[in-house]
Amino acid sequence: MEIQVVGVIGAGVMGIGVSQNLAQTGHQVILLDVSEEILERAKQAIRKNIRFQSFFGKNAKADNPEDILQKIKFSTNYQFLETAEFIIENTTEKWDIKKEVYARIDNICPPESVFAANTSAISITRIASVTKRADKVVGIHFMNPVPMKPMVEMIRGYHTSDATIATAQKMLAQMGKESIIVNDAPGFVSNRVLMLTINEAIFLVQDQVASASEVDRIFKGCFGHKMGPLETADLIGLDTILFSIEVLYESFNDSKYRPSPLLKKMVDAGLHGQKSGQGFYTYN
């Protein structure tokens, strides 16, 4: 039986993309965040994204944004999750926030509901420890922009059951995505490599070895990457990059993960990348 109702927690860039992808593949979505203002911005972003997708012919048939939005319930009320069969959590990469969210939804959601953490670096085993359903907690690291990426990284926590993995794979297949299963370790595979690369690229700019555009051109021109590391950083969000590299630094106690002072300075200045309009590049 297909999963019909999915709760999505967090209406930031990733939550918006996950909700849009789910609605476009026929799911009923409950999108939660802390304020109506954030939810209204999410609604406008989804409307804009669908129109953009249609304009560039990403769908065989153009989706009507209003039809897709009808499948998403925007709310600040966690009680609506009592009907959710599957939860995808996308909150800020801060443990204090995540542990409160999981303790809360554990008491609301049906016992059979699976919890999927869309996290860049926080341990799935640690997240599962604050619930009464450790076997039903799994990591799903979606890539941005979610509707356009065909693959995810799935993370098995210490207690994650085979049945939970199978359910998550089924959910992803319904979304049109393939998964690669890895074991739980800080940063998993993608971010353990990517965050180190981005952080080192920021050090290069800080040390005036090259400009941001020159660093990115080398990676695109010499290695065939579609985006350079600093363009990627702006897309992900420099605040998220900083949170992730700090988790890696704390987890491994290894100086190679020491965050670049320039990264910290840019985040303090509100230069978070595309979502703020300014990062290593300027956006309209």
C-alpha atoms as a PDB file:
ATOM      1  CA  MET A   1       0.000   0.000   0.000  1.00  0.00           C
ATOM      2  CA  GLU A   2       1.374   3.397  -0.962  1.00  0.00           C
ATOM      3  CA  ILE A   3       2.115   6.073   1.617  1.00  0.00           C
ATOM      4  CA  GLN A   4      -0.442   8.849   1.201  1.00  0.00           C
ATOM      5  CA  VAL A   5       0.024  11.392   4.010  1.00  0.00           C
ATOM      6  CA  VAL A   6       3.480  12.800   4.749  1.00  0.00           C
ATOM      7  CA  GLY A   7       4.397  15.342   7.413  1.00  0.00           C
ATOM      8  CA  VAL A   8       7.211  17.746   6.545  1.00  0.00           C
ATOM      9  CA  ILE A   9       8.727  19.714   9.424  1.00  0.00           C
ATOM     10  CA  GLY A  10      10.569  22.906   8.530  1.00  0.00           C
ATOM     11  CA  ALA A  11       9.592  25.223   5.671  1.00  0.00           C
ATOM     12  CA  GLY A  12      13.069  26.386   4.720  1.00  0.00           C
ATOM     13  CA  VAL A  13      14.760  25.678   1.400  1.00  0.00           C
ATOM     14  CA  MET A  14      14.831  21.904   1.896  1.00  0.00           C
ATOM     15  CA  GLY A  15      11.352  21.621   3.393  1.00  0.00           C
ATOM     16  CA  ILE A  16       9.951  23.631   0.486  1.00  0.00           C
ATOM     17  CA  GLY A  17      11.638  21.341  -2.037  1.00  0.00           C
ATOM     18  CA  VAL A  18      10.563  18.142  -0.260  1.00  0.00           C
ATOM     19  CA  SER A  19       6.952  19.346   0.051  1.00  0.00           C
ATOM     20  CA  GLN A  20       6.798  20.353  -3.600  1.00  0.00           C
ATOM     21  CA  ASN A  21       8.265  17.003  -4.730  1.00  0.00           C
ATOM     22  CA  LEU A  22       5.795  15.074  -2.561  1.00  0.00           C
ATOM     23  CA  ALA A  23       2.777  17.050  -3.779  1.00  0.00           C
ATOM     24  CA  GLN A  24       3.853  16.701  -7.396  1.00  0.00           C
ATOM     25  CA  THR A  25       3.993  12.914  -6.952  1.00  0.00           C
ATOM     26  CA  GLY A  26       0.453  12.724  -5.571  1.00  0.00           C
ATOM     27  CA  HIS A  27       0.979  12.835  -1.805  1.00  0.00           C
ATOM     28  CA  GLN A  28      -0.990  14.797   0.743  1.00  0.00           C
ATOM     29  CA  VAL A  29       1.505  16.956   2.639  1.00  0.00           C
ATOM     30  CA  ILE A  30       1.353  18.613   6.055  1.00  0.00           C
ATOM     31  CA  LEU A  31       4.041  21.322   6.071  1.00  0.00           C
ATOM     32  CA  LEU A  32       4.839  22.705   9.520  1.00  0.00           C
ATOM     33  CA  ASP A  33       6.851  25.664  10.735  1.00  0.00           C
ATOM     34  CA  VAL A  34       6.820  28.117  13.627  1.00  0.00           C
ATOM     35  CA  SER A  35       5.019  31.077  12.008  1.00  0.00           C
ATOM     36  CA  GLU A  36       2.413  31.916   9.386  1.00  0.00           C
ATOM     37  CA  GLU A  37       4.872  34.349   7.824  1.00  0.00           C
ATOM     38  CA  ILE A  38       7.395  31.575   7.133  1.00  0.00           C
ATOM     39  CA  LEU A  39       4.644  29.339   5.751  1.00  0.00           C
ATOM     40  CA  GLU A  40       3.378  32.082   3.438  1.00  0.00           C
ATOM     41  CA  ARG A  41       6.895  32.560   2.077  1.00  0.00           C
ATOM     42  CA  ALA A  42       7.087  28.810   1.527  1.00  0.00           C
ATOM     43  CA  LYS A  43       3.802  28.842  -0.380  1.00  0.00           C
ATOM     44  CA  GLN A  44       5.018  31.639  -2.650  1.00  0.00           C
ATOM     45  CA  ALA A  45       8.334  29.850  -3.208  1.00  0.00           C
ATOM     46  CA  ILE A  46       6.601  26.606  -4.219  1.00  0.00           C
ATOM     47  CA  ARG A  47       4.323  28.503  -6.606  1.00  0.00           C
ATOM     48  CA  LYS A  48       7.361  30.200  -8.159  1.00  0.00           C
ATOM     49  CA  ASN A  49       9.369  26.949  -8.358  1.00  0.00           C
ATOM     50  CA  ILE A  50       6.608  25.065 -10.175  1.00  0.00           C
ATOM     51  CA  ARG A  51       6.221  27.837 -12.726  1.00  0.00           C
ATOM     52  CA  PHE A  52       9.992  27.883 -13.195  1.00  0.00           C
ATOM     53  CA  GLN A  53      10.063  24.095 -13.657  1.00  0.00           C
ATOM     54  CA  SER A  54       7.271  24.245 -16.205  1.00  0.00           C
ATOM     55  CA  PHE A  55       8.946  27.077 -18.094  1.00  0.00           C
ATOM     56  CA  PHE A  56      12.089  25.003 -18.555  1.00  0.00           C
ATOM     57  CA  GLY A  57      10.152  21.871 -19.480  1.00  0.00           C
ATOM     58  CA  LYS A  58      11.200  19.774 -16.475  1.00  0.00           C
ATOM     59  CA  ASN A  59       7.796  18.026 -16.451  1.00  0.00           C
ATOM     60  CA  ALA A  60       6.227  16.088 -19.290  1.00  0.00           C
ATOM     61  CA  LYS A  61       3.106  18.094 -18.579  1.00  0.00           C
ATOM     62  CA  ALA A  62       3.069  21.461 -16.893  1.00  0.00           C
ATOM     63  CA  ASP A  63       1.755  21.315 -13.322  1.00  0.00           C
ATOM     64  CA  ASN A  64      -0.748  23.921 -12.245  1.00  0.00           C
ATOM     65  CA  PRO A  65       0.796  25.525  -9.119  1.00  0.00           C
ATOM     66  CA  GLU A  66      -2.608  25.935  -7.479  1.00  0.00           C
ATOM     67  CA  ASP A  67      -3.444  22.245  -7.962  1.00  0.00           C
ATOM     68  CA  ILE A  68      -0.145  21.285  -6.318  1.00  0.00           C
ATOM     69  CA  LEU A  69      -0.640  23.746  -3.451  1.00  0.00           C
ATOM     70  CA  GLN A  70      -4.072  22.232  -2.762  1.00  0.00           C
ATOM     71  CA  LYS A  71      -2.251  19.053  -1.726  1.00  0.00           C
ATOM     72  CA  ILE A  72      -0.204  20.872   0.926  1.00  0.00           C
ATOM     73  CA  LYS A  73      -1.625  21.878   4.292  1.00  0.00           C
ATOM     74  CA  PHE A  74       0.424  24.770   5.710  1.00  0.00           C
ATOM     75  CA  SER A  75       0.240  24.886   9.504  1.00  0.00           C
ATOM     76  CA  THR A  76       1.944  25.710  12.793  1.00  0.00           C
ATOM     77  CA  ASN A  77      -0.095  23.034  14.605  1.00  0.00           C
ATOM     78  CA  TYR A  78       1.814  19.807  15.250  1.00  0.00           C
ATOM     79  CA  GLN A  79      -1.419  17.950  16.110  1.00  0.00           C
ATOM     80  CA  PHE A  80      -2.135  17.591  12.398  1.00  0.00           C
ATOM     81  CA  LEU A  81       0.713  15.054  12.302  1.00  0.00           C
ATOM     82  CA  GLU A  82      -1.494  12.498  14.072  1.00  0.00           C
ATOM     83  CA  THR A  83      -2.608  11.357  10.590  1.00  0.00           C
ATOM     84  CA  ALA A  84       0.879  11.269   9.031  1.00  0.00           C
ATOM     85  CA  GLU A  85       2.247   7.895   7.897  1.00  0.00           C
ATOM     86  CA  PHE A  86       5.749   9.215   7.274  1.00  0.00           C
ATOM     87  CA  ILE A  87       7.615  12.243   8.651  1.00  0.00           C
ATOM     88  CA  ILE A  88      10.463  14.108   6.956  1.00  0.00           C
ATOM     89  CA  GLU A  89      12.187  16.537   9.333  1.00  0.00           C
ATOM     90  CA  ASN A  90      14.178  19.456   7.880  1.00  0.00           C
ATOM     91  CA  THR A  91      14.817  21.763  10.834  1.00  0.00           C
ATOM     92  CA  THR A  92      17.967  23.794  11.439  1.00  0.00           C
ATOM     93  CA  GLU A  93      21.141  21.770  11.968  1.00  0.00           C
ATOM     94  CA  LYS A  94      21.182  22.412  15.717  1.00  0.00           C
ATOM     95  CA  TRP A  95      20.835  19.548  18.154  1.00  0.00           C
ATOM     96  CA  ASP A  96      18.852  21.518  20.754  1.00  0.00           C
ATOM     97  CA  ILE A  97      16.172  22.250  18.155  1.00  0.00           C
ATOM     98  CA  LYS A  98      16.060  18.756  16.674  1.00  0.00           C
ATOM     99  CA  LYS A  99      15.795  16.892  19.978  1.00  0.00           C
ATOM    100  CA  GLU A 100      12.763  18.998  21.002  1.00  0.00           C
ATOM    101  CA  VAL A 101      11.064  18.353  17.675  1.00  0.00           C
ATOM    102  CA  TYR A 102      11.525  14.577  17.877  1.00  0.00           C
ATOM    103  CA  ALA A 103      10.395  14.314  21.482  1.00  0.00           C
ATOM    104  CA  ARG A 104       7.290  16.278  20.505  1.00  0.00           C
ATOM    105  CA  ILE A 105       6.309  14.355  17.376  1.00  0.00           C
ATOM    106  CA  ASP A 106       7.001  11.008  19.068  1.00  0.00           C
ATOM    107  CA  ASN A 107       3.989  11.669  21.308  1.00  0.00           C
ATOM    108  CA  ILE A 108       1.723  12.796  18.454  1.00  0.00           C
ATOM    109  CA  CYS A 109       2.417  10.571  15.444  1.00  0.00           C
ATOM    110  CA  PRO A 110       1.002   7.041  15.078  1.00  0.00           C
ATOM    111  CA  PRO A 111       3.308   4.352  16.518  1.00  0.00           C
ATOM    112  CA  GLU A 112       3.869   2.894  13.047  1.00  0.00           C
ATOM    113  CA  SER A 113       4.986   6.204  11.497  1.00  0.00           C
ATOM    114  CA  VAL A 114       8.566   6.366  10.232  1.00  0.00           C
ATOM    115  CA  PHE A 115      10.708   9.392  11.091  1.00  0.00           C
ATOM    116  CA  ALA A 116      13.196  10.456   8.423  1.00  0.00           C
ATOM    117  CA  ALA A 117      15.803  13.062   9.365  1.00  0.00           C
ATOM    118  CA  ASN A 118      16.898  15.206   6.428  1.00  0.00           C
ATOM    119  CA  THR A 119      20.153  16.226   8.054  1.00  0.00           C
ATOM    120  CA  SER A 120      23.602  17.058   6.746  1.00  0.00           C
ATOM    121  CA  ALA A 121      25.678  15.843   9.666  1.00  0.00           C
ATOM    122  CA  ILE A 122      23.782  15.083  12.896  1.00  0.00           C
ATOM    123  CA  SER A 123      23.862  11.446  14.009  1.00  0.00           C
ATOM    124  CA  ILE A 124      20.752   9.412  13.171  1.00  0.00           C
ATOM    125  CA  THR A 125      21.457   7.192  16.175  1.00  0.00           C
ATOM    126  CA  ARG A 126      21.485  10.258  18.431  1.00  0.00           C
ATOM    127  CA  ILE A 127      18.200  11.507  16.966  1.00  0.00           C
ATOM    128  CA  ALA A 128      16.605   8.073  17.471  1.00  0.00           C
ATOM    129  CA  SER A 129      17.669   8.075  21.141  1.00  0.00           C
ATOM    130  CA  VAL A 130      15.128  10.790  22.036  1.00  0.00           C
ATOM    131  CA  THR A 131      12.219   8.751  20.643  1.00  0.00           C
ATOM    132  CA  LYS A 132      10.444   5.566  21.697  1.00  0.00           C
ATOM    133  CA  ARG A 133      10.774   4.196  18.158  1.00  0.00           C
ATOM    134  CA  ALA A 134      14.513   4.031  17.502  1.00  0.00           C
ATOM    135  CA  ASP A 135      13.974   1.229  14.974  1.00  0.00           C
ATOM    136  CA  LYS A 136      11.723   3.518  12.913  1.00  0.00           C
ATOM    137  CA  VAL A 137      14.194   6.411  12.587  1.00  0.00           C
ATOM    138  CA  VAL A 138      16.258   6.743   9.413  1.00  0.00           C
ATOM    139  CA  GLY A 139      18.312   9.447   7.749  1.00  0.00           C
ATOM    140  CA  ILE A 140      17.429  10.730   4.285  1.00  0.00           C
ATOM    141  CA  HIS A 141      19.848  13.351   3.032  1.00  0.00           C
ATOM    142  CA  PHE A 142      18.054  15.064   0.152  1.00  0.00           C
ATOM    143  CA  MET A 143      20.024  17.149  -2.318  1.00  0.00           C
ATOM    144  CA  ASN A 144      19.055  20.685  -3.349  1.00  0.00           C
ATOM    145  CA  PRO A 145      16.962  21.464  -5.383  1.00  0.00           C
ATOM    146  CA  VAL A 146      14.983  18.438  -4.220  1.00  0.00           C
ATOM    147  CA  PRO A 147      12.498  18.079  -7.118  1.00  0.00           C
ATOM    148  CA  MET A 148      15.328  17.980  -9.666  1.00  0.00           C
ATOM    149  CA  LYS A 149      17.715  15.550  -7.926  1.00  0.00           C
ATOM    150  CA  PRO A 150      17.130  11.839  -8.682  1.00  0.00           C
ATOM    151  CA  MET A 151      19.216  10.383  -5.840  1.00  0.00           C
ATOM    152  CA  VAL A 152      19.513  10.677  -2.061  1.00  0.00           C
ATOM    153  CA  GLU A 153      21.833   9.397   0.619  1.00  0.00           C
ATOM    154  CA  MET A 154      19.976   7.143   3.083  1.00  0.00           C
ATOM    155  CA  ILE A 155      21.534   6.633   6.512  1.00  0.00           C
ATOM    156  CA  ARG A 156      20.986   3.585   8.693  1.00  0.00           C
ATOM    157  CA  GLY A 157      21.166   4.380  12.403  1.00  0.00           C
ATOM    158  CA  TYR A 158      22.309   1.822  14.976  1.00  0.00           C
ATOM    159  CA  HIS A 159      18.718   0.649  15.644  1.00  0.00           C
ATOM    160  CA  THR A 160      17.160   1.305  12.218  1.00  0.00           C
ATOM    161  CA  SER A 161      15.292  -1.839  11.133  1.00  0.00           C
ATOM    162  CA  ASP A 162      15.275  -3.447   7.703  1.00  0.00           C
ATOM    163  CA  ALA A 163      11.517  -2.810   7.579  1.00  0.00           C
ATOM    164  CA  THR A 164      12.126   0.920   8.084  1.00  0.00           C
ATOM    165  CA  ILE A 165      14.743   0.962   5.335  1.00  0.00           C
ATOM    166  CA  ALA A 166      12.263  -0.780   3.019  1.00  0.00           C
ATOM    167  CA  THR A 167       9.509   1.705   3.873  1.00  0.00           C
ATOM    168  CA  ALA A 168      11.828   4.655   3.263  1.00  0.00           C
ATOM    169  CA  GLN A 169      12.963   3.183  -0.063  1.00  0.00           C
ATOM    170  CA  LYS A 170       9.329   2.760  -1.080  1.00  0.00           C
ATOM    171  CA  MET A 171       8.568   6.342  -0.088  1.00  0.00           C
ATOM    172  CA  LEU A 172      11.500   7.596  -2.137  1.00  0.00           C
ATOM    173  CA  ALA A 173      10.515   5.482  -5.135  1.00  0.00           C
ATOM    174  CA  GLN A 174       7.087   7.129  -4.998  1.00  0.00           C
ATOM    175  CA  MET A 175       8.922  10.470  -5.155  1.00  0.00           C
ATOM    176  CA  GLY A 176      10.901   9.273  -8.174  1.00  0.00           C
ATOM    177  CA  LYS A 177      14.190   8.907  -6.310  1.00  0.00           C
ATOM    178  CA  GLU A 178      16.857   6.262  -5.920  1.00  0.00           C
ATOM    179  CA  SER A 179      18.787   5.861  -2.662  1.00  0.00           C
ATOM    180  CA  ILE A 180      22.249   4.749  -1.627  1.00  0.00           C
ATOM    181  CA  ILE A 181      22.361   3.304   1.894  1.00  0.00           C
ATOM    182  CA  VAL A 182      25.309   4.222   4.126  1.00  0.00           C
ATOM    183  CA  ASN A 183      26.028   3.725   7.814  1.00  0.00           C
ATOM    184  CA  ASP A 184      25.694   6.393  10.478  1.00  0.00           C
ATOM    185  CA  ALA A 185      28.825   8.512  10.920  1.00  0.00           C
ATOM    186  CA  PRO A 186      29.257  12.301  11.220  1.00  0.00           C
ATOM    187  CA  GLY A 187      28.666  13.906   7.824  1.00  0.00           C
ATOM    188  CA  PHE A 188      27.881  10.468   6.328  1.00  0.00           C
ATOM    189  CA  VAL A 189      29.600  10.284   2.888  1.00  0.00           C
ATOM    190  CA  SER A 190      28.530  13.334   0.903  1.00  0.00           C
ATOM    191  CA  ASN A 191      28.962  16.006   3.548  1.00  0.00           C
ATOM    192  CA  ARG A 192      32.074  14.543   5.118  1.00  0.00           C
ATOM    193  CA  VAL A 193      33.723  15.184   1.747  1.00  0.00           C
ATOM    194  CA  LEU A 194      31.731  18.189   0.506  1.00  0.00           C
ATOM    195  CA  MET A 195      31.939  20.342   3.660  1.00  0.00           C
ATOM    196  CA  LEU A 196      35.694  19.804   3.859  1.00  0.00           C
ATOM    197  CA  THR A 197      36.016  20.842   0.197  1.00  0.00           C
ATOM    198  CA  ILE A 198      33.864  23.955   0.611  1.00  0.00           C
ATOM    199  CA  ASN A 199      35.622  24.988   3.824  1.00  0.00           C
ATOM    200  CA  GLU A 200      39.038  24.630   2.156  1.00  0.00           C
ATOM    201  CA  ALA A 201      37.812  26.635  -0.860  1.00  0.00           C
ATOM    202  CA  ILE A 202      36.779  29.422   1.538  1.00  0.00           C
ATOM    203  CA  PHE A 203      40.267  29.340   3.093  1.00  0.00           C
ATOM    204  CA  LEU A 204      41.677  29.835  -0.427  1.00  0.00           C
ATOM    205  CA  VAL A 205      39.602  32.999  -0.849  1.00  0.00           C
ATOM    206  CA  GLN A 206      40.481  34.142   2.673  1.00  0.00           C
ATOM    207  CA  ASP A 207      44.208  33.623   1.979  1.00  0.00           C
ATOM    208  CA  GLN A 208      43.863  35.518  -1.335  1.00  0.00           C
ATOM    209  CA  VAL A 209      45.126  32.574  -3.356  1.00  0.00           C
ATOM    210  CA  ALA A 210      42.224  33.069  -5.777  1.00  0.00           C
ATOM    211  CA  SER A 211      38.867  34.816  -6.001  1.00  0.00           C
ATOM    212  CA  ALA A 212      35.605  32.899  -5.517  1.00  0.00           C
ATOM    213  CA  SER A 213      34.881  32.928  -9.247  1.00  0.00           C
ATOM    214  CA  GLU A 214      38.391  31.683 -10.057  1.00  0.00           C
ATOM    215  CA  VAL A 215      38.104  28.800  -7.589  1.00  0.00           C
ATOM    216  CA  ASP A 216      34.759  27.797  -9.091  1.00  0.00           C
ATOM    217  CA  ARG A 217      35.999  28.112 -12.678  1.00  0.00           C
ATOM    218  CA  ILE A 218      38.854  25.703 -11.917  1.00  0.00           C
ATOM    219  CA  PHE A 219      36.466  23.059 -10.608  1.00  0.00           C
ATOM    220  CA  LYS A 220      34.061  23.495 -13.524  1.00  0.00           C
ATOM    221  CA  GLY A 221      36.643  23.807 -16.273  1.00  0.00           C
ATOM    222  CA  CYS A 222      39.235  21.323 -15.053  1.00  0.00           C
ATOM    223  CA  PHE A 223      37.034  18.669 -13.442  1.00  0.00           C
ATOM    224  CA  GLY A 224      33.729  19.091 -15.268  1.00  0.00           C
ATOM    225  CA  HIS A 225      31.719  19.981 -12.159  1.00  0.00           C
ATOM    226  CA  LYS A 226      28.405  21.663 -12.954  1.00  0.00           C
ATOM    227  CA  MET A 227      28.923  24.039 -10.028  1.00  0.00           C
ATOM    228  CA  GLY A 228      32.028  25.149  -8.182  1.00  0.00           C
ATOM    229  CA  PRO A 229      32.350  24.641  -4.403  1.00  0.00           C
ATOM    230  CA  LEU A 230      31.550  28.269  -3.570  1.00  0.00           C
ATOM    231  CA  GLU A 231      28.535  28.390  -5.874  1.00  0.00           C
ATOM    232  CA  THR A 232      27.419  25.206  -4.121  1.00  0.00           C
ATOM    233  CA  ALA A 233      27.972  26.854  -0.735  1.00  0.00           C
ATOM    234  CA  ASP A 234      25.751  29.777  -1.724  1.00  0.00           C
ATOM    235  CA  LEU A 235      23.053  27.370  -2.921  1.00  0.00           C
ATOM    236  CA  ILE A 236      23.093  25.325   0.302  1.00  0.00           C
ATOM    237  CA  GLY A 237      23.371  28.407   2.539  1.00  0.00           C
ATOM    238  CA  LEU A 238      26.542  29.525   4.296  1.00  0.00           C
ATOM    239  CA  ASP A 239      24.812  29.279   7.680  1.00  0.00           C
ATOM    240  CA  THR A 240      24.052  25.608   6.980  1.00  0.00           C
ATOM    241  CA  ILE A 241      27.634  25.068   5.829  1.00  0.00           C
ATOM    242  CA  LEU A 242      28.912  26.536   9.096  1.00  0.00           C
ATOM    243  CA  PHE A 243      26.550  24.408  11.226  1.00  0.00           C
ATOM    244  CA  SER A 244      27.638  21.273   9.356  1.00  0.00           C
ATOM    245  CA  ILE A 245      31.383  21.895   9.523  1.00  0.00           C
ATOM    246  CA  GLU A 246      31.068  22.714  13.239  1.00  0.00           C
ATOM    247  CA  VAL A 247      29.335  19.364  13.827  1.00  0.00           C
ATOM    248  CA  LEU A 248      32.163  17.588  12.004  1.00  0.00           C
ATOM    249  CA  TYR A 249      34.790  19.522  13.977  1.00  0.00           C
ATOM    250  CA  GLU A 250      33.095  18.655  17.264  1.00  0.00           C
ATOM    251  CA  SER A 251      32.499  15.022  16.302  1.00  0.00           C
ATOM    252  CA  PHE A 252      35.989  14.159  15.098  1.00  0.00           C
ATOM    253  CA  ASN A 253      38.044  16.649  17.160  1.00  0.00           C
ATOM    254  CA  ASP A 254      40.174  16.961  14.039  1.00  0.00           C
ATOM    255  CA  SER A 255      41.687  20.314  13.059  1.00  0.00           C
ATOM    256  CA  LYS A 256      41.052  19.647   9.373  1.00  0.00           C
ATOM    257  CA  TYR A 257      37.390  20.510  10.036  1.00  0.00           C
ATOM    258  CA  ARG A 258      38.190  23.857  11.697  1.00  0.00           C
ATOM    259  CA  PRO A 259      35.714  26.381  10.205  1.00  0.00           C
ATOM    260  CA  SER A 260      37.242  29.151   8.133  1.00  0.00           C
ATOM    261  CA  PRO A 261      37.183  32.525   9.959  1.00  0.00           C
ATOM    262  CA  LEU A 262      35.893  34.068   6.721  1.00  0.00           C
ATOM    263  CA  LEU A 263      32.933  31.665   6.747  1.00  0.00           C
ATOM    264  CA  LYS A 264      32.098  32.653  10.327  1.00  0.00           C
ATOM    265  CA  LYS A 265      32.400  36.343   9.461  1.00  0.00           C
ATOM    266  CA  MET A 266      30.112  36.057   6.442  1.00  0.00           C
ATOM    267  CA  VAL A 267      27.473  34.190   8.446  1.00  0.00           C
ATOM    268  CA  ASP A 268      27.633  36.811  11.223  1.00  0.00           C
ATOM    269  CA  ALA A 269      27.174  39.492   8.564  1.00  0.00           C
ATOM    270  CA  GLY A 270      24.040  37.800   7.248  1.00  0.00           C
ATOM    271  CA  LEU A 271      25.669  36.830   3.940  1.00  0.00           C
ATOM    272  CA  HIS A 272      24.057  33.414   3.715  1.00  0.00           C
ATOM    273  CA  GLY A 273      24.070  32.940  -0.059  1.00  0.00           C
ATOM    274  CA  GLN A 274      21.128  32.731  -2.424  1.00  0.00           C
ATOM    275  CA  LYS A 275      18.481  32.822   0.306  1.00  0.00           C
ATOM    276  CA  SER A 276      19.764  36.167   1.646  1.00  0.00           C
ATOM    277  CA  GLY A 277      20.652  37.605  -1.756  1.00  0.00           C
ATOM    278  CA  GLN A 278      24.385  37.800  -1.040  1.00  0.00           C
ATOM    279  CA  GLY A 279      27.111  35.269  -0.364  1.00  0.00           C
ATOM    280  CA  PHE A 280      30.211  34.732  -2.454  1.00  0.00           C
ATOM    281  CA  TYR A 281      28.029  36.057  -5.282  1.00  0.00           C
ATOM    282  CA  THR A 282      25.183  38.565  -5.475  1.00  0.00           C
ATOM    283  CA  TYR A 283      21.642  37.427  -6.334  1.00  0.00           C
ATOM    284  CA  ASN A 284      18.600  39.439  -7.387  1.00  0.00           C
END
